[in-house]
Amino acid sequence: KFWDWAKSIRDGKLDYRTNGSLVISDMSGKELSRWTFNNVWPSKW
């Protein structure tokens, strides 16, 4: 998926930005913290 996303940008796809999050959990899987990042795209693979 990351390879295909970076390749689509290289091939000229204009709609390439997305938003996302890094989620830190405890050992049971309960969410403890979340960082949200906006307008991200792969600049290197």
All heavy atoms as atom14 arrays in JSON, in Angstrom:
{
  "sequence": "KFWDWAKSIRDGKLDYRTNGSLVISDMSGKELSRWTFNNVWPSKW",
  "atom14_mask": [
    [1, 1, 1, 1, 1, 1, 1, 1, 1, 0, 0, 0, 0, 0],
    [1, 1, 1, 1, 1, 1, 1, 1, 1, 1, 1, 0, 0, 0],
    [1, 1, 1, 1, 1, 1, 1, 1, 1, 1, 1, 1, 1, 1],
    [1, 1, 1, 1, 1, 1, 1, 1, 0, 0, 0, 0, 0, 0],
    [1, 1, 1, 1, 1, 1, 1, 1, 1, 1, 1, 1, 1, 1],
    [1, 1, 1, 1, 1, 0, 0, 0, 0, 0, 0, 0, 0, 0],
    [1, 1, 1, 1, 1, 1, 1, 1, 1, 0, 0, 0, 0, 0],
    [1, 1, 1, 1, 1, 1, 0, 0, 0, 0, 0, 0, 0, 0],
    [1, 1, 1, 1, 1, 1, 1, 1, 0, 0, 0, 0, 0, 0],
    [1, 1, 1, 1, 1, 1, 1, 1, 1, 1, 1, 0, 0, 0],
    [1, 1, 1, 1, 1, 1, 1, 1, 0, 0, 0, 0, 0, 0],
    [1, 1, 1, 1, 0, 0, 0, 0, 0, 0, 0, 0, 0, 0],
    [1, 1, 1, 1, 1, 1, 1, 1, 1, 0, 0, 0, 0, 0],
    [1, 1, 1, 1, 1, 1, 1, 1, 0, 0, 0, 0, 0, 0],
    [1, 1, 1, 1, 1, 1, 1, 1, 0, 0, 0, 0, 0, 0],
    [1, 1, 1, 1, 1, 1, 1, 1, 1, 1, 1, 1, 0, 0],
    [1, 1, 1, 1, 1, 1, 1, 1, 1, 1, 1, 0, 0, 0],
    [1, 1, 1, 1, 1, 1, 1, 0, 0, 0, 0, 0, 0, 0],
    [1, 1, 1, 1, 1, 1, 1, 1, 0, 0, 0, 0, 0, 0],
    [1, 1, 1, 1, 0, 0, 0, 0, 0, 0, 0, 0, 0, 0],
    [1, 1, 1, 1, 1, 1, 0, 0, 0, 0, 0, 0, 0, 0],
    [1, 1, 1, 1, 1, 1, 1, 1, 0, 0, 0, 0, 0, 0],
    [1, 1, 1, 1, 1, 1, 1, 0, 0, 0, 0, 0, 0, 0],
    [1, 1, 1, 1, 1, 1, 1, 1, 0, 0, 0, 0, 0, 0],
    [1, 1, 1, 1, 1, 1, 0, 0, 0, 0, 0, 0, 0, 0],
    [1, 1, 1, 1, 1, 1, 1, 1, 0, 0, 0, 0, 0, 0],
    [1, 1, 1, 1, 1, 1, 1, 1, 0, 0, 0, 0, 0, 0],
    [1, 1, 1, 1, 1, 1, 0, 0, 0, 0, 0, 0, 0, 0],
    [1, 1, 1, 1, 0, 0, 0, 0, 0, 0, 0, 0, 0, 0],
    [1, 1, 1, 1, 1, 1, 1, 1, 1, 0, 0, 0, 0, 0],
    [1, 1, 1, 1, 1, 1, 1, 1, 1, 0, 0, 0, 0, 0],
    [1, 1, 1, 1, 1, 1, 1, 1, 0, 0, 0, 0, 0, 0],
    [1, 1, 1, 1, 1, 1, 0, 0, 0, 0, 0, 0, 0, 0],
    [1, 1, 1, 1, 1, 1, 1, 1, 1, 1, 1, 0, 0, 0],
    [1, 1, 1, 1, 1, 1, 1, 1, 1, 1, 1, 1, 1, 1],
    [1, 1, 1, 1, 1, 1, 1, 0, 0, 0, 0, 0, 0, 0],
    [1, 1, 1, 1, 1, 1, 1, 1, 1, 1, 1, 0, 0, 0],
    [1, 1, 1, 1, 1, 1, 1, 1, 0, 0, 0, 0, 0, 0],
    [1, 1, 1, 1, 1, 1, 1, 1, 0, 0, 0, 0, 0, 0],
    [1, 1, 1, 1, 1, 1, 1, 0, 0, 0, 0, 0, 0, 0],
    [1, 1, 1, 1, 1, 1, 1, 1, 1, 1, 1, 1, 1, 1],
    [1, 1, 1, 1, 1, 1, 1, 0, 0, 0, 0, 0, 0, 0],
    [1, 1, 1, 1, 1, 1, 0, 0, 0, 0, 0, 0, 0, 0],
    [1, 1, 1, 1, 1, 1, 1, 1, 1, 0, 0, 0, 0, 0],
    [1, 1, 1, 1, 1, 1, 1, 1, 1, 1, 1, 1, 1, 1]
  ],
  "atom14_positions": [
    [[0.81, -1.22, 0.0], [0.0, 0.0, 0.0], [0.84, 1.27, 0.0], [0.53, 2.22, -0.72], [-0.96, -0.01, 1.19], [-2.05, -1.05, 1.03], [-2.98, -1.06, 2.21], [-4.0, -2.17, 2.05], [-4.78, -2.36, 3.26], [0.0, 0.0, 0.0], [0.0, 0.0, 0.0], [0.0, 0.0, 0.0], [0.0, 0.0, 0.0], [0.0, 0.0, 0.0]],
    [[1.91, 1.31, 0.79], [2.77, 2.5, 0.79], [3.5, 2.64, -0.54], [3.64, 3.74, -1.07], [3.77, 2.47, 1.94], [3.21, 3.0, 3.23], [2.9, 2.14, 4.27], [2.98, 4.36, 3.41], [2.38, 2.61, 5.46], [2.46, 4.85, 4.59], [2.15, 3.97, 5.61], [0.0, 0.0, 0.0], [0.0, 0.0, 0.0], [0.0, 0.0, 0.0]],
    [[3.98, 1.52, -1.08], [4.65, 1.55, -2.38], [3.7, 2.08, -3.45], [4.06, 2.95, -4.24], [5.13, 0.15, -2.75], [5.53, 0.02, -4.19], [4.75, -0.42, -5.23], [6.78, 0.37, -4.77], [5.44, -0.37, -6.4], [6.7, 0.11, -6.15], [7.96, 0.87, -4.25], [7.75, 0.34, -7.02], [9.02, 1.1, -5.12], [8.91, 0.83, -6.48]],
    [[2.46, 1.56, -3.49], [1.48, 1.98, -4.49], [1.13, 3.46, -4.34], [0.96, 4.17, -5.33], [0.22, 1.12, -4.39], [0.46, -0.31, -4.84], [1.43, -0.56, -5.58], [-0.32, -1.19, -4.42], [0.0, 0.0, 0.0], [0.0, 0.0, 0.0], [0.0, 0.0, 0.0], [0.0, 0.0, 0.0], [0.0, 0.0, 0.0], [0.0, 0.0, 0.0]],
    [[1.02, 3.93, -3.09], [0.7, 5.34, -2.84], [1.83, 6.24, -3.36], [1.59, 7.21, -4.08], [0.47, 5.54, -1.36], [0.03, 6.89, -0.91], [-0.56, 7.87, -1.66], [0.12, 7.41, 0.41], [-0.84, 8.96, -0.88], [-0.43, 8.71, 0.4], [0.62, 6.92, 1.61], [-0.5, 9.51, 1.53], [0.54, 7.71, 2.74], [-0.01, 8.99, 2.7]],
    [[3.08, 5.9, -3.03], [4.22, 6.68, -3.51], [4.32, 6.62, -5.04], [4.59, 7.63, -5.7], [5.51, 6.18, -2.86], [0.0, 0.0, 0.0], [0.0, 0.0, 0.0], [0.0, 0.0, 0.0], [0.0, 0.0, 0.0], [0.0, 0.0, 0.0], [0.0, 0.0, 0.0], [0.0, 0.0, 0.0], [0.0, 0.0, 0.0], [0.0, 0.0, 0.0]],
    [[4.06, 5.46, -5.63], [4.11, 5.31, -7.08], [3.04, 6.15, -7.76], [3.29, 6.77, -8.79], [3.95, 3.84, -7.47], [4.07, 3.6, -8.96], [3.88, 2.12, -9.28], [3.94, 1.85, -10.77], [2.99, 2.62, -11.56], [0.0, 0.0, 0.0], [0.0, 0.0, 0.0], [0.0, 0.0, 0.0], [0.0, 0.0, 0.0], [0.0, 0.0, 0.0]],
    [[1.86, 6.23, -7.16], [0.79, 7.03, -7.78], [1.17, 8.51, -7.8], [0.83, 9.23, -8.74], [-0.53, 6.82, -7.04], [-0.53, 7.45, -5.78], [0.0, 0.0, 0.0], [0.0, 0.0, 0.0], [0.0, 0.0, 0.0], [0.0, 0.0, 0.0], [0.0, 0.0, 0.0], [0.0, 0.0, 0.0], [0.0, 0.0, 0.0], [0.0, 0.0, 0.0]],
    [[1.89, 8.97, -6.79], [2.36, 10.37, -6.76], [3.42, 10.56, -7.84], [3.38, 11.53, -8.6], [2.91, 10.73, -5.37], [1.79, 10.69, -4.33], [3.58, 12.1, -5.4], [2.28, 10.74, -2.91], [0.0, 0.0, 0.0], [0.0, 0.0, 0.0], [0.0, 0.0, 0.0], [0.0, 0.0, 0.0], [0.0, 0.0, 0.0], [0.0, 0.0, 0.0]],
    [[4.34, 9.61, -7.92], [5.4, 9.68, -8.94], [4.8, 9.7, -10.35], [5.29, 10.37, -11.25], [6.34, 8.49, -8.8], [7.54, 8.54, -9.74], [8.25, 7.23, -9.81], [7.38, 6.29, -10.52], [7.56, 4.98, -10.51], [8.54, 4.45, -9.83], [6.75, 4.19, -11.16], [0.0, 0.0, 0.0], [0.0, 0.0, 0.0], [0.0, 0.0, 0.0]],
    [[3.68, 8.97, -10.51], [3.03, 8.88, -11.82], [2.11, 10.06, -12.11], [1.44, 10.08, -13.15], [2.25, 7.57, -11.93], [3.18, 6.36, -11.95], [4.39, 6.52, -12.16], [2.67, 5.24, -11.73], [0.0, 0.0, 0.0], [0.0, 0.0, 0.0], [0.0, 0.0, 0.0], [0.0, 0.0, 0.0], [0.0, 0.0, 0.0], [0.0, 0.0, 0.0]],
    [[2.03, 11.04, -11.19], [1.3, 12.27, -11.48], [-0.08, 12.39, -10.88], [-0.82, 13.31, -11.22], [0.0, 0.0, 0.0], [0.0, 0.0, 0.0], [0.0, 0.0, 0.0], [0.0, 0.0, 0.0], [0.0, 0.0, 0.0], [0.0, 0.0, 0.0], [0.0, 0.0, 0.0], [0.0, 0.0, 0.0], [0.0, 0.0, 0.0], [0.0, 0.0, 0.0]],
    [[-0.48, 11.49, -9.99], [-1.8, 11.61, -9.37], [-1.83, 12.89, -8.53], [-0.96, 13.14, -7.71], [-2.09, 10.4, -8.48], [-3.45, 10.46, -7.85], [-3.74, 9.24, -7.01], [-5.09, 9.42, -6.34], [-5.36, 8.4, -5.38], [0.0, 0.0, 0.0], [0.0, 0.0, 0.0], [0.0, 0.0, 0.0], [0.0, 0.0, 0.0], [0.0, 0.0, 0.0]],
    [[-2.84, 13.72, -8.74], [-2.9, 15.02, -8.07], [-3.51, 14.95, -6.68], [-3.2, 15.77, -5.83], [-3.68, 16.01, -8.94], [-3.05, 16.3, -10.31], [-3.92, 17.24, -11.1], [-1.65, 16.88, -10.14], [0.0, 0.0, 0.0], [0.0, 0.0, 0.0], [0.0, 0.0, 0.0], [0.0, 0.0, 0.0], [0.0, 0.0, 0.0], [0.0, 0.0, 0.0]],
    [[-4.4, 14.01, -6.44], [-5.06, 13.9, -5.13], [-4.29, 12.88, -4.29], [-4.62, 11.71, -4.26], [-6.51, 13.45, -5.31], [-7.27, 13.39, -4.0], [-6.89, 14.12, -3.06], [-8.24, 12.62, -3.92], [0.0, 0.0, 0.0], [0.0, 0.0, 0.0], [0.0, 0.0, 0.0], [0.0, 0.0, 0.0], [0.0, 0.0, 0.0], [0.0, 0.0, 0.0]],
    [[-3.23, 13.33, -3.63], [-2.34, 12.39, -2.96], [-2.22, 12.62, -1.46], [-1.71, 11.79, -0.75], [-0.94, 12.43, -3.58], [-0.34, 13.82, -3.65], [0.34, 14.36, -2.57], [-0.46, 14.59, -4.79], [0.9, 15.63, -2.63], [0.08, 15.86, -4.87], [0.76, 16.38, -3.79], [1.3, 17.63, -3.83], [0.0, 0.0, 0.0], [0.0, 0.0, 0.0]],
    [[-2.68, 13.75, -0.94], [-2.57, 14.02, 0.5], [-3.68, 13.3, 1.26], [-4.77, 13.1, 0.75], [-2.67, 15.52, 0.77], [-1.48, 16.31, 0.33], [-1.68, 17.79, 0.69], [-0.48, 18.54, 0.55], [-0.09, 19.14, -0.56], [-0.84, 19.06, -1.65], [1.03, 19.82, -0.61], [0.0, 0.0, 0.0], [0.0, 0.0, 0.0], [0.0, 0.0, 0.0]],
    [[-3.36, 12.96, 2.5], [-4.36, 12.37, 3.38], [-4.05, 12.8, 4.81], [-3.0, 13.39, 5.07], [-4.4, 10.84, 3.25], [-5.56, 10.33, 3.91], [-3.16, 10.18, 3.85], [0.0, 0.0, 0.0], [0.0, 0.0, 0.0], [0.0, 0.0, 0.0], [0.0, 0.0, 0.0], [0.0, 0.0, 0.0], [0.0, 0.0, 0.0], [0.0, 0.0, 0.0]],
    [[-4.94, 12.51, 5.71], [-4.73, 12.74, 7.14], [-4.56, 11.4, 7.82], [-4.91, 10.36, 7.27], [-5.91, 13.5, 7.75], [-6.12, 14.85, 7.11], [-5.18, 15.5, 6.69], [-7.36, 15.28, 7.0], [0.0, 0.0, 0.0], [0.0, 0.0, 0.0], [0.0, 0.0, 0.0], [0.0, 0.0, 0.0], [0.0, 0.0, 0.0], [0.0, 0.0, 0.0]],
    [[-4.06, 11.41, 9.04], [-3.9, 10.15, 9.75], [-3.51, 10.37, 11.19], [-3.44, 11.5, 11.67], [0.0, 0.0, 0.0], [0.0, 0.0, 0.0], [0.0, 0.0, 0.0], [0.0, 0.0, 0.0], [0.0, 0.0, 0.0], [0.0, 0.0, 0.0], [0.0, 0.0, 0.0], [0.0, 0.0, 0.0], [0.0, 0.0, 0.0], [0.0, 0.0, 0.0]],
    [[-3.26, 9.26, 11.88], [-2.91, 9.31, 13.29], [-1.91, 8.24, 13.64], [-1.88, 7.18, 13.04], [-4.16, 9.09, 14.16], [-5.11, 10.08, 13.97], [0.0, 0.0, 0.0], [0.0, 0.0, 0.0], [0.0, 0.0, 0.0], [0.0, 0.0, 0.0], [0.0, 0.0, 0.0], [0.0, 0.0, 0.0], [0.0, 0.0, 0.0], [0.0, 0.0, 0.0]],
    [[-1.09, 8.54, 14.65], [-0.28, 7.55, 15.34], [-0.96, 7.33, 16.68], [-1.23, 8.3, 17.4], [1.15, 8.01, 15.55], [1.97, 7.02, 16.37], [3.25, 6.66, 15.64], [2.29, 7.56, 17.73], [0.0, 0.0, 0.0], [0.0, 0.0, 0.0], [0.0, 0.0, 0.0], [0.0, 0.0, 0.0], [0.0, 0.0, 0.0], [0.0, 0.0, 0.0]],
    [[-1.3, 6.09, 16.99], [-2.03, 5.76, 18.21], [-1.12, 4.93, 19.11], [-0.59, 3.9, 18.68], [-3.31, 4.96, 17.88], [-4.07, 4.61, 19.15], [-4.19, 5.75, 16.92], [0.0, 0.0, 0.0], [0.0, 0.0, 0.0], [0.0, 0.0, 0.0], [0.0, 0.0, 0.0], [0.0, 0.0, 0.0], [0.0, 0.0, 0.0], [0.0, 0.0, 0.0]],
    [[-0.93, 5.39, 20.34], [-0.17, 4.64, 21.34], [-1.18, 3.93, 22.24], [-2.13, 4.55, 22.73], [0.74, 5.55, 22.17], [1.81, 6.16, 21.27], [1.39, 4.78, 23.32], [2.77, 7.09, 21.98], [0.0, 0.0, 0.0], [0.0, 0.0, 0.0], [0.0, 0.0, 0.0], [0.0, 0.0, 0.0], [0.0, 0.0, 0.0], [0.0, 0.0, 0.0]],
    [[-0.96, 2.64, 22.46], [-1.87, 1.83, 23.27], [-1.14, 1.2, 24.43], [0.08, 1.11, 24.44], [-2.47, 0.71, 22.4], [-3.04, 1.22, 21.23], [0.0, 0.0, 0.0], [0.0, 0.0, 0.0], [0.0, 0.0, 0.0], [0.0, 0.0, 0.0], [0.0, 0.0, 0.0], [0.0, 0.0, 0.0], [0.0, 0.0, 0.0], [0.0, 0.0, 0.0]],
    [[-1.93, 0.72, 25.4], [-1.33, -0.1, 26.45], [-1.35, -1.55, 25.97], [-1.78, -1.84, 24.85], [-2.03, 0.11, 27.8], [-3.48, -0.35, 27.81], [-3.94, -1.02, 26.85], [-4.17, -0.03, 28.79], [0.0, 0.0, 0.0], [0.0, 0.0, 0.0], [0.0, 0.0, 0.0], [0.0, 0.0, 0.0], [0.0, 0.0, 0.0], [0.0, 0.0, 0.0]],
    [[-0.9, -2.47, 26.8], [-0.78, -3.87, 26.39], [-2.13, -4.51, 26.1], [-2.21, -5.48, 25.35], [-0.02, -4.67, 27.44], [1.44, -4.29, 27.45], [2.51, -4.99, 28.74], [1.97, -6.61, 28.96], [0.0, 0.0, 0.0], [0.0, 0.0, 0.0], [0.0, 0.0, 0.0], [0.0, 0.0, 0.0], [0.0, 0.0, 0.0], [0.0, 0.0, 0.0]],
    [[-3.21, -3.96, 26.65], [-4.54, -4.52, 26.39], [-5.15, -3.98, 25.11], [-6.2, -4.43, 24.68], [-5.48, -4.2, 27.56], [-5.79, -2.82, 27.58], [0.0, 0.0, 0.0], [0.0, 0.0, 0.0], [0.0, 0.0, 0.0], [0.0, 0.0, 0.0], [0.0, 0.0, 0.0], [0.0, 0.0, 0.0], [0.0, 0.0, 0.0], [0.0, 0.0, 0.0]],
    [[-4.49, -2.97, 24.48], [-5.01, -2.38, 23.26], [-5.81, -1.11, 23.5], [-6.28, -0.48, 22.56], [0.0, 0.0, 0.0], [0.0, 0.0, 0.0], [0.0, 0.0, 0.0], [0.0, 0.0, 0.0], [0.0, 0.0, 0.0], [0.0, 0.0, 0.0], [0.0, 0.0, 0.0], [0.0, 0.0, 0.0], [0.0, 0.0, 0.0], [0.0, 0.0, 0.0]],
    [[-5.94, -0.68, 24.75], [-6.67, 0.54, 25.07], [-5.84, 1.76, 24.64], [-4.65, 1.85, 24.93], [-6.93, 0.61, 26.57], [-7.62, 1.89, 27.02], [-7.76, 1.92, 28.52], [-8.19, 3.3, 28.98], [-8.1, 3.44, 30.43], [0.0, 0.0, 0.0], [0.0, 0.0, 0.0], [0.0, 0.0, 0.0], [0.0, 0.0, 0.0], [0.0, 0.0, 0.0]],
    [[-6.48, 2.69, 23.92], [-5.78, 3.87, 23.43], [-5.38, 4.78, 24.58], [-6.19, 5.17, 25.4], [-6.68, 4.64, 22.47], [-6.02, 5.84, 21.85], [-6.9, 6.54, 20.83], [-7.5, 5.85, 19.99], [-6.96, 7.78, 20.88], [0.0, 0.0, 0.0], [0.0, 0.0, 0.0], [0.0, 0.0, 0.0], [0.0, 0.0, 0.0], [0.0, 0.0, 0.0]],
    [[-4.08, 5.13, 24.62], [-3.56, 6.03, 25.65], [-3.28, 7.42, 25.1], [-3.42, 8.42, 25.8], [-2.27, 5.47, 26.25], [-2.37, 4.14, 26.98], [-0.99, 3.7, 27.44], [-3.32, 4.24, 28.15], [0.0, 0.0, 0.0], [0.0, 0.0, 0.0], [0.0, 0.0, 0.0], [0.0, 0.0, 0.0], [0.0, 0.0, 0.0], [0.0, 0.0, 0.0]],
    [[-2.83, 7.48, 23.85], [-2.44, 8.76, 23.27], [-2.63, 8.7, 21.77], [-2.58, 7.63, 21.16], [-0.99, 9.06, 23.62], [-0.62, 10.32, 23.14], [0.0, 0.0, 0.0], [0.0, 0.0, 0.0], [0.0, 0.0, 0.0], [0.0, 0.0, 0.0], [0.0, 0.0, 0.0], [0.0, 0.0, 0.0], [0.0, 0.0, 0.0], [0.0, 0.0, 0.0]],
    [[-2.85, 9.89, 21.17], [-3.04, 9.96, 19.72], [-2.44, 11.26, 19.19], [-2.69, 12.32, 19.73], [-4.52, 9.9, 19.38], [-4.82, 10.04, 17.89], [-6.32, 9.97, 17.63], [-6.83, 8.65, 17.86], [-7.09, 7.74, 16.93], [-6.84, 8.03, 15.66], [-7.57, 6.56, 17.24], [0.0, 0.0, 0.0], [0.0, 0.0, 0.0], [0.0, 0.0, 0.0]],
    [[-1.61, 11.12, 18.17], [-1.1, 12.26, 17.42], [-1.76, 12.23, 16.05], [-1.68, 11.22, 15.35], [0.41, 12.19, 17.25], [1.18, 12.66, 18.42], [1.63, 13.93, 18.64], [1.62, 11.89, 19.53], [2.31, 13.99, 19.82], [2.33, 12.74, 20.4], [1.48, 10.56, 19.9], [2.89, 12.31, 21.58], [2.04, 10.13, 21.08], [2.73, 11.0, 21.91]],
    [[-2.39, 13.32, 15.66], [-3.01, 13.42, 14.35], [-2.13, 14.28, 13.47], [-1.66, 15.33, 13.89], [-4.42, 14.06, 14.47], [-5.21, 13.24, 15.33], [-5.08, 14.17, 13.11], [0.0, 0.0, 0.0], [0.0, 0.0, 0.0], [0.0, 0.0, 0.0], [0.0, 0.0, 0.0], [0.0, 0.0, 0.0], [0.0, 0.0, 0.0], [0.0, 0.0, 0.0]],
    [[-1.88, 13.81, 12.26], [-1.09, 14.58, 11.3], [-1.95, 14.82, 10.07], [-2.71, 13.96, 9.65], [0.24, 13.92, 10.96], [0.25, 12.42, 10.98], [-0.1, 11.69, 9.86], [0.6, 11.74, 12.14], [-0.09, 10.31, 9.89], [0.61, 10.35, 12.17], [0.26, 9.64, 11.04], [0.0, 0.0, 0.0], [0.0, 0.0, 0.0], [0.0, 0.0, 0.0]],
    [[-1.86, 16.04, 9.54], [-2.72, 16.46, 8.44], [-1.93, 16.72, 7.17], [-0.79, 17.17, 7.22], [-3.49, 17.72, 8.84], [-4.4, 17.46, 10.02], [-5.09, 16.46, 10.09], [-4.37, 18.36, 10.98], [0.0, 0.0, 0.0], [0.0, 0.0, 0.0], [0.0, 0.0, 0.0], [0.0, 0.0, 0.0], [0.0, 0.0, 0.0], [0.0, 0.0, 0.0]],
    [[-2.59, 16.44, 6.05], [-2.01, 16.67, 4.72], [-0.64, 16.01, 4.58], [0.35, 16.66, 4.26], [-1.92, 18.16, 4.41], [-3.29, 18.79, 4.29], [-4.22, 18.16, 3.8], [-3.42, 20.01, 4.76], [0.0, 0.0, 0.0], [0.0, 0.0, 0.0], [0.0, 0.0, 0.0], [0.0, 0.0, 0.0], [0.0, 0.0, 0.0], [0.0, 0.0, 0.0]],
    [[-0.6, 14.71, 4.83], [0.66, 13.97, 4.7], [0.69, 13.24, 3.36], [-0.35, 12.93, 2.78], [0.86, 12.96, 5.86], [0.87, 13.66, 7.18], [-0.18, 11.87, 5.84], [0.0, 0.0, 0.0], [0.0, 0.0, 0.0], [0.0, 0.0, 0.0], [0.0, 0.0, 0.0], [0.0, 0.0, 0.0], [0.0, 0.0, 0.0], [0.0, 0.0, 0.0]],
    [[1.9, 13.0, 2.89], [2.11, 12.21, 1.68], [3.53, 11.65, 1.72], [4.4, 12.22, 2.35], [1.86, 13.04, 0.42], [2.65, 14.3, 0.34], [2.36, 15.5, 0.92], [3.89, 14.49, -0.36], [3.33, 16.42, 0.63], [4.28, 15.84, -0.16], [4.7, 13.67, -1.13], [5.43, 16.37, -0.7], [5.85, 14.19, -1.68], [6.21, 15.54, -1.47]],
    [[3.74, 10.5, 1.09], [5.07, 9.88, 1.14], [6.05, 10.6, 0.23], [5.89, 10.6, -0.99], [4.82, 8.45, 0.68], [3.6, 8.54, -0.17], [2.78, 9.66, 0.39], [0.0, 0.0, 0.0], [0.0, 0.0, 0.0], [0.0, 0.0, 0.0], [0.0, 0.0, 0.0], [0.0, 0.0, 0.0], [0.0, 0.0, 0.0], [0.0, 0.0, 0.0]],
    [[7.04, 11.23, 0.83], [8.07, 11.91, 0.04], [9.25, 10.98, -0.26], [10.1, 11.31, -1.08], [8.58, 13.16, 0.77], [9.15, 12.81, 2.01], [0.0, 0.0, 0.0], [0.0, 0.0, 0.0], [0.0, 0.0, 0.0], [0.0, 0.0, 0.0], [0.0, 0.0, 0.0], [0.0, 0.0, 0.0], [0.0, 0.0, 0.0], [0.0, 0.0, 0.0]],
    [[9.29, 9.83, 0.42], [10.37, 8.86, 0.18], [9.88, 7.47, 0.57], [9.2, 7.29, 1.58], [11.58, 9.24, 1.03], [12.76, 8.3, 0.89], [13.92, 8.71, 1.79], [15.04, 7.71, 1.72], [16.12, 8.03, 2.65], [0.0, 0.0, 0.0], [0.0, 0.0, 0.0], [0.0, 0.0, 0.0], [0.0, 0.0, 0.0], [0.0, 0.0, 0.0]],
    [[10.25, 6.49, -0.24], [10.02, 5.08, 0.07], [11.31, 4.35, -0.23], [11.97, 4.59, -1.25], [8.89, 4.49, -0.79], [8.61, 3.06, -0.44], [7.66, 2.62, 0.43], [9.29, 1.89, -0.9], [7.71, 1.26, 0.54], [8.71, 0.78, -0.27], [10.35, 1.68, -1.77], [9.13, -0.52, -0.49], [10.78, 0.38, -1.99], [10.17, -0.71, -1.37]]
  ]
}
